[in-house]
């Protein structure tokens, strides 16, 4: 089982996300109030806490949300999950739709560090069942093939 470490959002694209006490996740939309939410396959972005910490140990000064992630999750190596994996967090149900992403222009993190982990470590999901997520909430992998 994983645990949500941070919930992050930004009102404008191209700006770092900031942490929130909790977020409302809406079906076929994503995180309410986030600039990247909408009716598409990348409604919610997730990043493993352990990958962020490893990047920090390399000298990066990054806060949660700096990579554009909505959810930082501890205890699950997110990039290893196959597309179609279901993630359950309280009443919210997410479906993994994409692993990693192409970086079209180097972000500020890349300019300082010469690297950015989001393109290879981040995953994306769509919201199948809505509700609220807050730091400290548990997250479980639910395999759609086995109903678990």
C-alpha atoms as a PDB file:
ATOM      1  CA  UNK A   1       0.000   0.000   0.000  1.00  0.00           C
ATOM      2  CA  UNK A   2       1.168   3.487  -0.786  1.00  0.00           C
ATOM      3  CA  UNK A   3       0.496   6.771   0.929  1.00  0.00           C
ATOM      4  CA  UNK A   4      -0.207  10.210  -0.512  1.00  0.00           C
ATOM      5  CA  UNK A   5       2.507  12.626   0.611  1.00  0.00           C
ATOM      6  CA  UNK A   6       1.292  15.737  -1.215  1.00  0.00           C
ATOM      7  CA  UNK A   7      -1.625  17.056  -3.269  1.00  0.00           C
ATOM      8  CA  UNK A   8      -0.571  19.859  -5.625  1.00  0.00           C
ATOM      9  CA  UNK A   9      -2.303  22.162  -8.093  1.00  0.00           C
ATOM     10  CA  UNK A  10      -1.746  25.282 -10.144  1.00  0.00           C
ATOM     11  CA  UNK A  11      -4.287  27.587 -11.704  1.00  0.00           C
ATOM     12  CA  UNK A  12      -2.068  28.397 -14.713  1.00  0.00           C
ATOM     13  CA  UNK A  13      -0.133  26.120 -17.058  1.00  0.00           C
ATOM     14  CA  UNK A  14       3.625  26.574 -17.021  1.00  0.00           C
ATOM     15  CA  UNK A  15       3.803  27.447 -13.325  1.00  0.00           C
ATOM     16  CA  UNK A  16       4.887  25.187 -10.452  1.00  0.00           C
ATOM     17  CA  UNK A  17       2.069  23.598  -8.533  1.00  0.00           C
ATOM     18  CA  UNK A  18       1.635  24.352  -4.841  1.00  0.00           C
ATOM     19  CA  UNK A  19       0.569  21.982  -2.092  1.00  0.00           C
ATOM     20  CA  UNK A  20      -2.985  21.858  -0.802  1.00  0.00           C
ATOM     21  CA  UNK A  21      -4.587  20.405   2.331  1.00  0.00           C
ATOM     22  CA  UNK A  22      -6.729  18.242   0.062  1.00  0.00           C
ATOM     23  CA  UNK A  23      -8.022  18.128  -3.473  1.00  0.00           C
ATOM     24  CA  UNK A  24     -11.325  17.323  -5.097  1.00  0.00           C
ATOM     25  CA  UNK A  25     -11.019  14.884  -7.995  1.00  0.00           C
ATOM     26  CA  UNK A  26     -13.907  14.894 -10.458  1.00  0.00           C
ATOM     27  CA  UNK A  27     -14.844  12.128 -12.918  1.00  0.00           C
ATOM     28  CA  UNK A  28     -13.614  12.788 -16.479  1.00  0.00           C
ATOM     29  CA  UNK A  29     -12.013  16.025 -15.319  1.00  0.00           C
ATOM     30  CA  UNK A  30      -9.200  15.594 -12.788  1.00  0.00           C
ATOM     31  CA  UNK A  31      -8.233  17.844  -9.892  1.00  0.00           C
ATOM     32  CA  UNK A  32     -10.738  20.677  -9.543  1.00  0.00           C
ATOM     33  CA  UNK A  33      -8.975  24.030  -9.968  1.00  0.00           C
ATOM     34  CA  UNK A  34      -5.888  22.617 -11.680  1.00  0.00           C
ATOM     35  CA  UNK A  35      -4.866  24.098 -15.033  1.00  0.00           C
ATOM     36  CA  UNK A  36      -4.171  20.664 -16.554  1.00  0.00           C
ATOM     37  CA  UNK A  37      -7.533  19.152 -15.637  1.00  0.00           C
ATOM     38  CA  UNK A  38     -10.030  18.487 -18.379  1.00  0.00           C
ATOM     39  CA  UNK A  39     -11.646  15.814 -20.517  1.00  0.00           C
ATOM     40  CA  UNK A  40      -8.498  14.083 -21.772  1.00  0.00           C
ATOM     41  CA  UNK A  41      -6.223  11.174 -20.821  1.00  0.00           C
ATOM     42  CA  UNK A  42      -3.797  13.159 -18.616  1.00  0.00           C
ATOM     43  CA  UNK A  43      -6.251  14.472 -16.015  1.00  0.00           C
ATOM     44  CA  UNK A  44      -4.016  13.697 -13.026  1.00  0.00           C
ATOM     45  CA  UNK A  45      -0.217  13.462 -12.834  1.00  0.00           C
ATOM     46  CA  UNK A  46       1.553  11.359 -10.219  1.00  0.00           C
ATOM     47  CA  UNK A  47       5.167  11.045  -9.102  1.00  0.00           C
ATOM     48  CA  UNK A  48       6.791   8.652  -6.620  1.00  0.00           C
ATOM     49  CA  UNK A  49       8.029  10.320  -3.433  1.00  0.00           C
ATOM     50  CA  UNK A  50      11.136   8.125  -3.447  1.00  0.00           C
ATOM     51  CA  UNK A  51      12.133   9.415  -6.909  1.00  0.00           C
ATOM     52  CA  UNK A  52      11.731  13.023  -5.752  1.00  0.00           C
ATOM     53  CA  UNK A  53      13.875  12.331  -2.674  1.00  0.00           C
ATOM     54  CA  UNK A  54      16.605  10.685  -4.777  1.00  0.00           C
ATOM     55  CA  UNK A  55      16.614  13.746  -7.060  1.00  0.00           C
ATOM     56  CA  UNK A  56      16.896  16.035  -4.015  1.00  0.00           C
ATOM     57  CA  UNK A  57      19.920  14.053  -2.811  1.00  0.00           C
ATOM     58  CA  UNK A  58      21.612  14.987  -6.097  1.00  0.00           C
ATOM     59  CA  UNK A  59      21.386  18.626  -5.012  1.00  0.00           C
ATOM     60  CA  UNK A  60      18.038  19.670  -6.455  1.00  0.00           C
ATOM     61  CA  UNK A  61      16.063  22.153  -4.380  1.00  0.00           C
ATOM     62  CA  UNK A  62      12.551  21.211  -5.393  1.00  0.00           C
ATOM     63  CA  UNK A  63       9.294  21.412  -3.498  1.00  0.00           C
ATOM     64  CA  UNK A  64       6.346  19.136  -4.061  1.00  0.00           C
ATOM     65  CA  UNK A  65       4.606  20.301  -7.223  1.00  0.00           C
ATOM     66  CA  UNK A  66       7.789  21.605  -8.868  1.00  0.00           C
ATOM     67  CA  UNK A  67       7.618  18.889 -11.542  1.00  0.00           C
ATOM     68  CA  UNK A  68       3.963  19.657 -12.274  1.00  0.00           C
ATOM     69  CA  UNK A  69       2.704  16.615 -10.384  1.00  0.00           C
ATOM     70  CA  UNK A  70      -0.732  16.571  -8.750  1.00  0.00           C
ATOM     71  CA  UNK A  71      -0.045  13.667  -6.401  1.00  0.00           C
ATOM     72  CA  UNK A  72       3.196  12.605  -4.726  1.00  0.00           C
ATOM     73  CA  UNK A  73       2.866   8.996  -3.573  1.00  0.00           C
ATOM     74  CA  UNK A  74       5.155   7.098  -1.205  1.00  0.00           C
ATOM     75  CA  UNK A  75       5.565   3.331  -1.321  1.00  0.00           C
ATOM     76  CA  UNK A  76       4.620   2.652  -4.965  1.00  0.00           C
ATOM     77  CA  UNK A  77       7.093   2.721  -7.864  1.00  0.00           C
ATOM     78  CA  UNK A  78       4.542   4.340 -10.137  1.00  0.00           C
ATOM     79  CA  UNK A  79       6.485   4.146 -13.405  1.00  0.00           C
ATOM     80  CA  UNK A  80       6.446   0.325 -13.238  1.00  0.00           C
ATOM     81  CA  UNK A  81       2.646   0.161 -13.336  1.00  0.00           C
ATOM     82  CA  UNK A  82       1.163  -0.914 -16.654  1.00  0.00           C
ATOM     83  CA  UNK A  83      -1.331   1.274 -18.475  1.00  0.00           C
ATOM     84  CA  UNK A  84      -4.813   0.335 -17.312  1.00  0.00           C
ATOM     85  CA  UNK A  85      -3.772  -0.185 -13.678  1.00  0.00           C
ATOM     86  CA  UNK A  86      -6.357   1.103 -11.228  1.00  0.00           C
ATOM     87  CA  UNK A  87      -5.294   3.141  -8.205  1.00  0.00           C
ATOM     88  CA  UNK A  88      -7.752   3.488  -5.337  1.00  0.00           C
ATOM     89  CA  UNK A  89      -7.387   6.275  -2.807  1.00  0.00           C
ATOM     90  CA  UNK A  90     -10.333   6.488  -0.440  1.00  0.00           C
ATOM     91  CA  UNK A  91     -13.370   7.045  -2.621  1.00  0.00           C
ATOM     92  CA  UNK A  92     -11.284   8.123  -5.658  1.00  0.00           C
ATOM     93  CA  UNK A  93     -10.496   5.628  -8.412  1.00  0.00           C
ATOM     94  CA  UNK A  94      -7.836   6.481 -10.999  1.00  0.00           C
ATOM     95  CA  UNK A  95      -6.859   4.584 -14.155  1.00  0.00           C
ATOM     96  CA  UNK A  96      -3.260   4.834 -15.374  1.00  0.00           C
ATOM     97  CA  UNK A  97      -3.305   6.115 -18.969  1.00  0.00           C
ATOM     98  CA  UNK A  98       0.309   7.083 -19.704  1.00  0.00           C
ATOM     99  CA  UNK A  99       3.792   6.384 -18.347  1.00  0.00           C
ATOM    100  CA  UNK A 100       6.233   9.262 -18.718  1.00  0.00           C
ATOM    101  CA  UNK A 101       5.968  12.046 -21.265  1.00  0.00           C
ATOM    102  CA  UNK A 102       8.013  13.815 -23.851  1.00  0.00           C
ATOM    103  CA  UNK A 103       9.607  17.018 -22.617  1.00  0.00           C
ATOM    104  CA  UNK A 104       9.081  19.567 -25.390  1.00  0.00           C
ATOM    105  CA  UNK A 105      11.170  22.314 -23.855  1.00  0.00           C
ATOM    106  CA  UNK A 106      13.584  22.078 -20.989  1.00  0.00           C
ATOM    107  CA  UNK A 107      11.978  23.255 -17.762  1.00  0.00           C
ATOM    108  CA  UNK A 108      13.667  25.375 -15.112  1.00  0.00           C
ATOM    109  CA  UNK A 109      14.618  22.234 -13.170  1.00  0.00           C
ATOM    110  CA  UNK A 110      16.431  20.864 -16.231  1.00  0.00           C
ATOM    111  CA  UNK A 111      18.199  24.175 -16.798  1.00  0.00           C
ATOM    112  CA  UNK A 112      19.588  24.108 -13.226  1.00  0.00           C
ATOM    113  CA  UNK A 113      20.197  20.362 -12.789  1.00  0.00           C
ATOM    114  CA  UNK A 114      20.732  19.157 -16.369  1.00  0.00           C
ATOM    115  CA  UNK A 115      17.968  16.634 -15.740  1.00  0.00           C
ATOM    116  CA  UNK A 116      14.281  16.371 -14.883  1.00  0.00           C
ATOM    117  CA  UNK A 117      12.607  13.223 -13.581  1.00  0.00           C
ATOM    118  CA  UNK A 118       9.019  13.904 -14.649  1.00  0.00           C
ATOM    119  CA  UNK A 119       9.432  12.793 -18.292  1.00  0.00           C
ATOM    120  CA  UNK A 120      10.641   9.314 -17.258  1.00  0.00           C
ATOM    121  CA  UNK A 121       9.216   8.843 -13.735  1.00  0.00           C
ATOM    122  CA  UNK A 122       5.844  10.582 -13.873  1.00  0.00           C
ATOM    123  CA  UNK A 123       2.628   8.821 -14.752  1.00  0.00           C
ATOM    124  CA  UNK A 124      -0.781  10.085 -15.767  1.00  0.00           C
ATOM    125  CA  UNK A 125      -4.288   8.931 -15.003  1.00  0.00           C
ATOM    126  CA  UNK A 126      -7.919   9.694 -15.591  1.00  0.00           C
ATOM    127  CA  UNK A 127     -10.531   9.857 -12.842  1.00  0.00           C
ATOM    128  CA  UNK A 128     -13.062   6.997 -12.930  1.00  0.00           C
ATOM    129  CA  UNK A 129     -14.653   7.757  -9.547  1.00  0.00           C
ATOM    130  CA  UNK A 130     -14.473  11.127  -7.874  1.00  0.00           C
ATOM    131  CA  UNK A 131     -13.944  12.325  -4.341  1.00  0.00           C
ATOM    132  CA  UNK A 132     -11.325  13.935  -2.147  1.00  0.00           C
ATOM    133  CA  UNK A 133      -7.668  13.064  -1.573  1.00  0.00           C
ATOM    134  CA  UNK A 134      -5.497  14.499   1.208  1.00  0.00           C
ATOM    135  CA  UNK A 135      -1.912  13.933   2.325  1.00  0.00           C
ATOM    136  CA  UNK A 136      -1.767  10.855   4.537  1.00  0.00           C
ATOM    137  CA  UNK A 137      -4.456   8.976   2.599  1.00  0.00           C
ATOM    138  CA  UNK A 138      -3.606   5.417   1.615  1.00  0.00           C
ATOM    139  CA  UNK A 139      -3.391   4.385  -2.045  1.00  0.00           C
ATOM    140  CA  UNK A 140      -3.783   0.818  -3.279  1.00  0.00           C
ATOM    141  CA  UNK A 141      -3.140  -0.798  -6.627  1.00  0.00           C
ATOM    142  CA  UNK A 142      -6.236  -2.491  -7.981  1.00  0.00           C
ATOM    143  CA  UNK A 143      -5.623  -4.854 -10.872  1.00  0.00           C
ATOM    144  CA  UNK A 144      -8.546  -4.487 -13.308  1.00  0.00           C
ATOM    145  CA  UNK A 145      -8.083  -8.073 -14.539  1.00  0.00           C
ATOM    146  CA  UNK A 146      -8.519  -9.594 -11.104  1.00  0.00           C
ATOM    147  CA  UNK A 147     -10.963  -7.148  -9.525  1.00  0.00           C
ATOM    148  CA  UNK A 148      -8.587  -6.561  -6.643  1.00  0.00           C
END
